[in-house]
């Protein structure tokens, strides 16, 4: 009975070691993919940009790509503007 408990403990210790090694590898990959940039800059890149709806076709697009007009935002697609 003692040998069985010993091998069960060894098994779980090995599983724990593998888990800790995988966490370390994942963290190293994540840090390498971020590069040497500032943490705030990388967080800013991940933030979602507000979207607006095109008044002509109803498509949602990022506010930075939309063209403001007197009635609202437009996507700027010539075919979309002709429908109006």
PDB file of N, CA and C in Angstrom:
ATOM      1  N   UNK A   1       0.813  -1.181   0.000  1.00  0.00           N
ATOM      2  CA  UNK A   1       0.000   0.000   0.000  1.00  0.00           C
ATOM      3  C   UNK A   1       0.867   1.260   0.000  1.00  0.00           C
ATOM      4  N   UNK A   2       1.995   1.199   0.694  1.00  0.00           N
ATOM      5  CA  UNK A   2       2.908   2.341   0.779  1.00  0.00           C
ATOM      6  C   UNK A   2       3.509   2.706  -0.572  1.00  0.00           C
ATOM      7  N   UNK A   3       3.807   1.655  -1.392  1.00  0.00           N
ATOM      8  CA  UNK A   3       4.378   1.913  -2.711  1.00  0.00           C
ATOM      9  C   UNK A   3       3.366   2.618  -3.612  1.00  0.00           C
ATOM     10  N   UNK A   4       2.109   2.254  -3.505  1.00  0.00           N
ATOM     11  CA  UNK A   4       1.063   2.852  -4.319  1.00  0.00           C
ATOM     12  C   UNK A   4       0.917   4.342  -3.999  1.00  0.00           C
ATOM     13  N   UNK A   5       0.908   4.673  -2.737  1.00  0.00           N
ATOM     14  CA  UNK A   5       0.801   6.071  -2.331  1.00  0.00           C
ATOM     15  C   UNK A   5       2.034   6.848  -2.804  1.00  0.00           C
ATOM     16  N   UNK A   6       3.216   6.224  -2.696  1.00  0.00           N
ATOM     17  CA  UNK A   6       4.438   6.860  -3.166  1.00  0.00           C
ATOM     18  C   UNK A   6       4.346   7.198  -4.646  1.00  0.00           C
ATOM     19  N   UNK A   7       3.910   6.263  -5.471  1.00  0.00           N
ATOM     20  CA  UNK A   7       3.837   6.504  -6.923  1.00  0.00           C
ATOM     21  C   UNK A   7       2.742   7.527  -7.272  1.00  0.00           C
ATOM     22  N   UNK A   8       1.686   7.555  -6.506  1.00  0.00           N
ATOM     23  CA  UNK A   8       0.647   8.574  -6.737  1.00  0.00           C
ATOM     24  C   UNK A   8       1.212   9.973  -6.442  1.00  0.00           C
ATOM     25  N   UNK A   9       1.949  10.096  -5.358  1.00  0.00           N
ATOM     26  CA  UNK A   9       2.564  11.378  -5.005  1.00  0.00           C
ATOM     27  C   UNK A   9       3.576  11.787  -6.071  1.00  0.00           C
ATOM     28  N   UNK A  10       4.389  10.858  -6.534  1.00  0.00           N
ATOM     29  CA  UNK A  10       5.370  11.153  -7.589  1.00  0.00           C
ATOM     30  C   UNK A  10       4.657  11.611  -8.852  1.00  0.00           C
ATOM     31  N   UNK A  11       3.580  10.960  -9.202  1.00  0.00           N
ATOM     32  CA  UNK A  11       2.809  11.315 -10.392  1.00  0.00           C
ATOM     33  C   UNK A  11       2.313  12.756 -10.304  1.00  0.00           C
ATOM     34  N   UNK A  12       1.736  13.140  -9.166  1.00  0.00           N
ATOM     35  CA  UNK A  12       1.211  14.497  -9.025  1.00  0.00           C
ATOM     36  C   UNK A  12       2.325  15.541  -8.960  1.00  0.00           C
ATOM     37  N   UNK A  13       3.469  15.186  -8.411  1.00  0.00           N
ATOM     38  CA  UNK A  13       4.608  16.116  -8.405  1.00  0.00           C
ATOM     39  C   UNK A  13       5.094  16.352  -9.830  1.00  0.00           C
ATOM     40  N   UNK A  14       5.146  15.308 -10.626  1.00  0.00           N
ATOM     41  CA  UNK A  14       5.548  15.454 -12.033  1.00  0.00           C
ATOM     42  C   UNK A  14       4.523  16.305 -12.780  1.00  0.00           C
ATOM     43  N   UNK A  15       3.240  16.093 -12.556  1.00  0.00           N
ATOM     44  CA  UNK A  15       2.212  16.914 -13.203  1.00  0.00           C
ATOM     45  C   UNK A  15       2.352  18.386 -12.810  1.00  0.00           C
ATOM     46  N   UNK A  16       2.633  18.642 -11.555  1.00  0.00           N
ATOM     47  CA  UNK A  16       2.826  20.010 -11.086  1.00  0.00           C
ATOM     48  C   UNK A  16       4.040  20.647 -11.757  1.00  0.00           C
ATOM     49  N   UNK A  17       5.118  19.897 -11.880  1.00  0.00           N
ATOM     50  CA  UNK A  17       6.329  20.424 -12.522  1.00  0.00           C
ATOM     51  C   UNK A  17       6.069  20.751 -13.993  1.00  0.00           C
ATOM     52  N   UNK A  18       5.346  19.883 -14.685  1.00  0.00           N
ATOM     53  CA  UNK A  18       5.013  20.136 -16.091  1.00  0.00           C
ATOM     54  C   UNK A  18       4.131  21.372 -16.211  1.00  0.00           C
ATOM     55  N   UNK A  19       3.180  21.514 -15.325  1.00  0.00           N
ATOM     56  CA  UNK A  19       2.285  22.673 -15.339  1.00  0.00           C
ATOM     57  C   UNK A  19       3.069  23.968 -15.129  1.00  0.00           C
ATOM     58  N   UNK A  20       3.978  23.986 -14.160  1.00  0.00           N
ATOM     59  CA  UNK A  20       4.782  25.177 -13.906  1.00  0.00           C
ATOM     60  C   UNK A  20       5.698  25.502 -15.087  1.00  0.00           C
ATOM     61  N   UNK A  21       6.234  24.477 -15.740  1.00  0.00           N
ATOM     62  CA  UNK A  21       7.083  24.708 -16.910  1.00  0.00           C
ATOM     63  C   UNK A  21       6.259  25.304 -18.052  1.00  0.00           C
ATOM     64  N   UNK A  22       5.036  24.813 -18.264  1.00  0.00           N
ATOM     65  CA  UNK A  22       4.183  25.359 -19.322  1.00  0.00           C
ATOM     66  C   UNK A  22       3.801  26.805 -19.046  1.00  0.00           C
ATOM     67  N   UNK A  23       3.563  27.139 -17.800  1.00  0.00           N
ATOM     68  CA  UNK A  23       3.235  28.523 -17.446  1.00  0.00           C
ATOM     69  C   UNK A  23       4.426  29.427 -17.749  1.00  0.00           C
ATOM     70  N   UNK A  24       5.626  28.977 -17.431  1.00  0.00           N
ATOM     71  CA  UNK A  24       6.824  29.776 -17.681  1.00  0.00           C
ATOM     72  C   UNK A  24       7.040  29.981 -19.184  1.00  0.00           C
ATOM     73  N   UNK A  25       6.827  28.951 -19.970  1.00  0.00           N
ATOM     74  CA  UNK A  25       6.991  29.066 -21.421  1.00  0.00           C
ATOM     75  C   UNK A  25       5.950  30.016 -22.007  1.00  0.00           C
ATOM     76  N   UNK A  26       4.720  29.913 -21.559  1.00  0.00           N
ATOM     77  CA  UNK A  26       3.658  30.791 -22.050  1.00  0.00           C
ATOM     78  C   UNK A  26       3.951  32.242 -21.705  1.00  0.00           C
ATOM     79  N   UNK A  27       4.413  32.486 -20.493  1.00  0.00           N
ATOM     80  CA  UNK A  27       4.740  33.857 -20.089  1.00  0.00           C
ATOM     81  C   UNK A  27       5.901  34.396 -20.917  1.00  0.00           C
ATOM     82  N   UNK A  28       6.899  33.581 -21.186  1.00  0.00           N
ATOM     83  CA  UNK A  28       8.043  34.021 -21.992  1.00  0.00           C
ATOM     84  C   UNK A  28       7.603  34.350 -23.415  1.00  0.00           C
ATOM     85  N   UNK A  29       6.724  33.542 -23.990  1.00  0.00           N
ATOM     86  CA  UNK A  29       6.220  33.828 -25.342  1.00  0.00           C
ATOM     87  C   UNK A  29       5.423  35.120 -25.381  1.00  0.00           C
ATOM     88  N   UNK A  30       4.593  35.321 -24.370  1.00  0.00           N
ATOM     89  CA  UNK A  30       3.770  36.527 -24.312  1.00  0.00           C
ATOM     90  C   UNK A  30       4.649  37.768 -24.187  1.00  0.00           C
ATOM     91  N   UNK A  31       5.673  37.692 -23.343  1.00  0.00           N
ATOM     92  CA  UNK A  31       6.579  38.818 -23.179  1.00  0.00           C
ATOM     93  C   UNK A  31       7.374  39.086 -24.451  1.00  0.00           C
ATOM     94  N   UNK A  32       7.765  38.025 -25.152  1.00  0.00           N
ATOM     95  CA  UNK A  32       8.517  38.191 -26.393  1.00  0.00           C
ATOM     96  C   UNK A  32       7.644  38.778 -27.494  1.00  0.00           C
ATOM     97  N   UNK A  33       6.377  38.411 -27.528  1.00  0.00           N
ATOM     98  CA  UNK A  33       5.499  38.931 -28.574  1.00  0.00           C
ATOM     99  C   UNK A  33       5.165  40.395 -28.348  1.00  0.00           C
ATOM    100  N   UNK A  34       5.195  40.844 -27.108  1.00  0.00           N
ATOM    101  CA  UNK A  34       4.947  42.260 -26.815  1.00  0.00           C
ATOM    102  C   UNK A  34       6.122  43.120 -27.231  1.00  0.00           C
ATOM    103  N   UNK A  35       7.287  42.561 -27.271  1.00  0.00           N
ATOM    104  CA  UNK A  35       8.469  43.330 -27.614  1.00  0.00           C
ATOM    105  C   UNK A  35       8.928  44.165 -26.446  1.00  0.00           C
ATOM    106  N   UNK A  36       9.712  45.188 -26.752  1.00  0.00           N
ATOM    107  CA  UNK A  36      10.253  46.044 -25.706  1.00  0.00           C
ATOM    108  C   UNK A  36       9.401  47.279 -25.493  1.00  0.00           C
ATOM    109  N   UNK A  37       8.180  47.309 -26.035  1.00  0.00           N
ATOM    110  CA  UNK A  37       7.311  48.471 -25.924  1.00  0.00           C
ATOM    111  C   UNK A  37       6.809  48.691 -24.523  1.00  0.00           C
ATOM    112  N   UNK A  38       6.287  49.859 -24.304  1.00  0.00           N
ATOM    113  CA  UNK A  38       5.732  50.240 -23.012  1.00  0.00           C
ATOM    114  C   UNK A  38       4.445  49.460 -22.754  1.00  0.00           C
ATOM    115  N   UNK A  39       4.186  49.110 -21.519  1.00  0.00           N
ATOM    116  CA  UNK A  39       2.978  48.344 -21.185  1.00  0.00           C
ATOM    117  C   UNK A  39       1.727  49.151 -21.479  1.00  0.00           C
ATOM    118  N   UNK A  40       1.775  50.458 -21.240  1.00  0.00           N
ATOM    119  CA  UNK A  40       0.609  51.291 -21.524  1.00  0.00           C
ATOM    120  C   UNK A  40       0.328  51.342 -23.013  1.00  0.00           C
ATOM    121  N   UNK A  41       1.380  51.389 -23.836  1.00  0.00           N
ATOM    122  CA  UNK A  41       1.194  51.438 -25.287  1.00  0.00           C
ATOM    123  C   UNK A  41       0.557  50.139 -25.780  1.00  0.00           C
ATOM    124  N   UNK A  42       0.986  48.996 -25.252  1.00  0.00           N
ATOM    125  CA  UNK A  42       0.413  47.737 -25.703  1.00  0.00           C
ATOM    126  C   UNK A  42      -1.031  47.611 -25.236  1.00  0.00           C
ATOM    127  N   UNK A  43      -1.342  48.146 -24.052  1.00  0.00           N
ATOM    128  CA  UNK A  43      -2.714  48.110 -23.569  1.00  0.00           C
ATOM    129  C   UNK A  43      -3.594  49.011 -24.437  1.00  0.00           C
ATOM    130  N   UNK A  44      -3.062  50.129 -24.882  1.00  0.00           N
ATOM    131  CA  UNK A  44      -3.814  51.058 -25.720  1.00  0.00           C
ATOM    132  C   UNK A  44      -4.160  50.406 -27.056  1.00  0.00           C
ATOM    133  N   UNK A  45      -3.241  49.607 -27.604  1.00  0.00           N
ATOM    134  CA  UNK A  45      -3.491  48.925 -28.869  1.00  0.00           C
ATOM    135  C   UNK A  45      -4.622  47.911 -28.744  1.00  0.00           C
ATOM    136  N   UNK A  46      -4.795  47.343 -27.564  1.00  0.00           N
ATOM    137  CA  UNK A  46      -5.808  46.321 -27.370  1.00  0.00           C
ATOM    138  C   UNK A  46      -7.194  46.896 -27.098  1.00  0.00           C
ATOM    139  N   UNK A  47      -7.260  48.182 -26.754  1.00  0.00           N
ATOM    140  CA  UNK A  47      -8.553  48.772 -26.453  1.00  0.00           C
ATOM    141  C   UNK A  47      -9.381  48.896 -27.729  1.00  0.00           C
ATOM    142  N   UNK A  48     -10.670  48.713 -27.586  1.00  0.00           N
ATOM    143  CA  UNK A  48     -11.570  48.799 -28.727  1.00  0.00           C
ATOM    144  C   UNK A  48     -11.847  50.260 -29.067  1.00  0.00           C
ATOM    145  N   UNK A  49     -11.958  50.519 -30.349  1.00  0.00           N
ATOM    146  CA  UNK A  49     -12.268  51.858 -30.816  1.00  0.00           C
ATOM    147  C   UNK A  49     -13.775  51.989 -30.956  1.00  0.00           C
ATOM    148  N   UNK A  50     -14.328  53.149 -30.645  1.00  0.00           N
ATOM    149  CA  UNK A  50     -15.781  53.301 -30.795  1.00  0.00           C
ATOM    150  C   UNK A  50     -16.191  53.199 -32.261  1.00  0.00           C
ATOM    151  N   UNK A  51     -17.360  52.617 -32.492  1.00  0.00           N
ATOM    152  CA  UNK A  51     -17.861  52.491 -33.855  1.00  0.00           C
ATOM    153  C   UNK A  51     -19.067  53.398 -34.051  1.00  0.00           C
ATOM    154  N   UNK A  52     -19.273  53.775 -35.301  1.00  0.00           N
ATOM    155  CA  UNK A  52     -20.412  54.597 -35.669  1.00  0.00           C
ATOM    156  C   UNK A  52     -21.125  53.926 -36.831  1.00  0.00           C
ATOM    157  N   UNK A  53     -22.375  54.279 -37.023  1.00  0.00           N
ATOM    158  CA  UNK A  53     -23.178  53.669 -38.072  1.00  0.00           C
ATOM    159  C   UNK A  53     -23.270  54.615 -39.261  1.00  0.00           C
ATOM    160  N   UNK A  54     -23.065  54.096 -40.449  1.00  0.00           N
ATOM    161  CA  UNK A  54     -23.165  54.879 -41.670  1.00  0.00           C
ATOM    162  C   UNK A  54     -24.638  55.253 -41.889  1.00  0.00           C
ATOM    163  N   UNK A  55     -24.895  56.524 -42.183  1.00  0.00           N
ATOM    164  CA  UNK A  55     -26.280  56.963 -42.377  1.00  0.00           C
ATOM    165  C   UNK A  55     -26.845  56.485 -43.710  1.00  0.00           C
ATOM    166  N   UNK A  56     -25.976  56.107 -44.647  1.00  0.00           N
ATOM    167  CA  UNK A  56     -26.438  55.680 -45.960  1.00  0.00           C
ATOM    168  C   UNK A  56     -26.756  54.194 -46.021  1.00  0.00           C
ATOM    169  N   UNK A  57     -25.855  53.360 -45.537  1.00  0.00           N
ATOM    170  CA  UNK A  57     -26.049  51.916 -45.693  1.00  0.00           C
ATOM    171  C   UNK A  57     -26.258  51.185 -44.376  1.00  0.00           C
ATOM    172  N   UNK A  58     -25.993  51.826 -43.234  1.00  0.00           N
ATOM    173  CA  UNK A  58     -26.210  51.187 -41.945  1.00  0.00           C
ATOM    174  C   UNK A  58     -25.049  50.344 -41.460  1.00  0.00           C
ATOM    175  N   UNK A  59     -23.942  50.348 -42.173  1.00  0.00           N
ATOM    176  CA  UNK A  59     -22.780  49.570 -41.783  1.00  0.00           C
ATOM    177  C   UNK A  59     -22.080  50.239 -40.612  1.00  0.00           C
ATOM    178  N   UNK A  60     -21.625  49.437 -39.653  1.00  0.00           N
ATOM    179  CA  UNK A  60     -20.855  49.961 -38.536  1.00  0.00           C
ATOM    180  C   UNK A  60     -19.375  49.932 -38.909  1.00  0.00           C
ATOM    181  N   UNK A  61     -18.676  51.039 -38.619  1.00  0.00           N
ATOM    182  CA  UNK A  61     -17.264  51.110 -38.909  1.00  0.00           C
ATOM    183  C   UNK A  61     -16.582  51.930 -37.816  1.00  0.00           C
ATOM    184  N   UNK A  62     -15.237  51.774 -37.683  1.00  0.00           N
ATOM    185  CA  UNK A  62     -14.531  52.543 -36.660  1.00  0.00           C
ATOM    186  C   UNK A  62     -14.685  54.036 -36.900  1.00  0.00           C
ATOM    187  N   UNK A  63     -14.777  54.784 -35.837  1.00  0.00           N
ATOM    188  CA  UNK A  63     -15.007  56.220 -35.943  1.00  0.00           C
ATOM    189  C   UNK A  63     -13.872  56.916 -36.688  1.00  0.00           C
ATOM    190  N   UNK A  64     -12.646  56.397 -36.567  1.00  0.00           N
ATOM    191  CA  UNK A  64     -11.512  57.016 -37.246  1.00  0.00           C
ATOM    192  C   UNK A  64     -11.597  56.858 -38.763  1.00  0.00           C
ATOM    193  N   UNK A  65     -12.301  55.845 -39.257  1.00  0.00           N
ATOM    194  CA  UNK A  65     -12.437  55.618 -40.690  1.00  0.00           C
ATOM    195  C   UNK A  65     -13.684  56.266 -41.267  1.00  0.00           C
ATOM    196  N   UNK A  66     -14.605  56.707 -40.426  1.00  0.00           N
ATOM    197  CA  UNK A  66     -15.856  57.297 -40.891  1.00  0.00           C
ATOM    198  C   UNK A  66     -15.644  58.749 -41.298  1.00  0.00           C
ATOM    199  N   UNK A  67     -16.456  59.182 -42.252  1.00  0.00           N
ATOM    200  CA  UNK A  67     -16.404  60.564 -42.711  1.00  0.00           C
ATOM    201  C   UNK A  67     -17.599  61.311 -42.132  1.00  0.00           C
ATOM    202  N   UNK A  68     -17.334  62.321 -41.280  1.00  0.00           N
ATOM    203  CA  UNK A  68     -18.460  63.046 -40.678  1.00  0.00           C
ATOM    204  C   UNK A  68     -19.173  63.909 -41.722  1.00  0.00           C
ATOM    205  N   UNK A  69     -20.465  63.997 -41.588  1.00  0.00           N
ATOM    206  CA  UNK A  69     -21.286  64.823 -42.465  1.00  0.00           C
ATOM    207  C   UNK A  69     -22.322  65.567 -41.653  1.00  0.00           C
ATOM    208  N   UNK A  70     -23.158  66.364 -42.329  1.00  0.00           N
ATOM    209  CA  UNK A  70     -24.153  67.146 -41.589  1.00  0.00           C
ATOM    210  C   UNK A  70     -25.215  66.282 -40.907  1.00  0.00           C
ATOM    211  N   UNK A  71     -25.539  65.122 -41.476  1.00  0.00           N
ATOM    212  CA  UNK A  71     -26.576  64.256 -40.911  1.00  0.00           C
ATOM    213  C   UNK A  71     -26.013  63.180 -39.992  1.00  0.00           C
ATOM    214  N   UNK A  72     -24.727  62.947 -40.066  1.00  0.00           N
ATOM    215  CA  UNK A  72     -24.094  61.895 -39.277  1.00  0.00           C
ATOM    216  C   UNK A  72     -22.852  61.409 -39.995  1.00  0.00           C
ATOM    217  N   UNK A  73     -22.418  60.212 -39.671  1.00  0.00           N
ATOM    218  CA  UNK A  73     -21.213  59.651 -40.263  1.00  0.00           C
ATOM    219  C   UNK A  73     -21.552  58.835 -41.498  1.00  0.00           C
ATOM    220  N   UNK A  74     -20.601  58.812 -42.442  1.00  0.00           N
ATOM    221  CA  UNK A  74     -20.760  58.043 -43.674  1.00  0.00           C
ATOM    222  C   UNK A  74     -19.534  57.172 -43.850  1.00  0.00           C
ATOM    223  N   UNK A  75     -19.702  56.039 -44.537  1.00  0.00           N
ATOM    224  CA  UNK A  75     -18.568  55.147 -44.758  1.00  0.00           C
ATOM    225  C   UNK A  75     -17.696  55.622 -45.917  1.00  0.00           C
ATOM    226  N   UNK A  76     -18.200  56.492 -46.741  1.00  0.00           N
ATOM    227  CA  UNK A  76     -17.407  57.043 -47.827  1.00  0.00           C
ATOM    228  C   UNK A  76     -17.389  56.189 -49.071  1.00  0.00           C
ATOM    229  N   UNK A  77     -18.123  55.113 -49.108  1.00  0.00           N
ATOM    230  CA  UNK A  77     -18.210  54.264 -50.283  1.00  0.00           C
ATOM    231  C   UNK A  77     -19.045  54.957 -51.345  1.00  0.00           C
ATOM    232  N   UNK A  78     -18.547  55.147 -52.571  1.00  0.00           N
ATOM    233  CA  UNK A  78     -19.317  55.853 -53.600  1.00  0.00           C
ATOM    234  C   UNK A  78     -20.649  55.162 -53.910  1.00  0.00           C
ATOM    235  N   UNK A  79     -20.682  53.854 -53.924  1.00  0.00           N
ATOM    236  CA  UNK A  79     -21.933  53.140 -54.205  1.00  0.00           C
ATOM    237  C   UNK A  79     -22.937  53.383 -53.080  1.00  0.00           C
ATOM    238  N   UNK A  80     -22.441  53.503 -51.890  1.00  0.00           N
ATOM    239  CA  UNK A  80     -23.313  53.760 -50.740  1.00  0.00           C
ATOM    240  C   UNK A  80     -23.928  55.157 -50.825  1.00  0.00           C
ATOM    241  N   UNK A  81     -23.150  56.132 -51.220  1.00  0.00           N
ATOM    242  CA  UNK A  81     -23.638  57.513 -51.309  1.00  0.00           C
ATOM    243  C   UNK A  81     -24.649  57.668 -52.444  1.00  0.00           C
ATOM    244  N   UNK A  82     -24.516  56.870 -53.519  1.00  0.00           N
ATOM    245  CA  UNK A  82     -25.456  56.954 -54.658  1.00  0.00           C
ATOM    246  C   UNK A  82     -26.850  56.443 -54.283  1.00  0.00           C
ATOM    247  N   UNK A  83     -26.937  55.573 -53.314  1.00  0.00           N
ATOM    248  CA  UNK A  83     -28.240  55.030 -52.909  1.00  0.00           C
ATOM    249  C   UNK A  83     -29.130  56.104 -52.305  1.00  0.00           C
ATOM    250  N   UNK A  84     -28.536  57.076 -51.779  1.00  0.00           N
ATOM    251  CA  UNK A  84     -29.257  58.124 -51.075  1.00  0.00           C
ATOM    252  C   UNK A  84     -30.016  58.915 -52.021  1.00  0.00           C
TER     253      UNK A  84
END
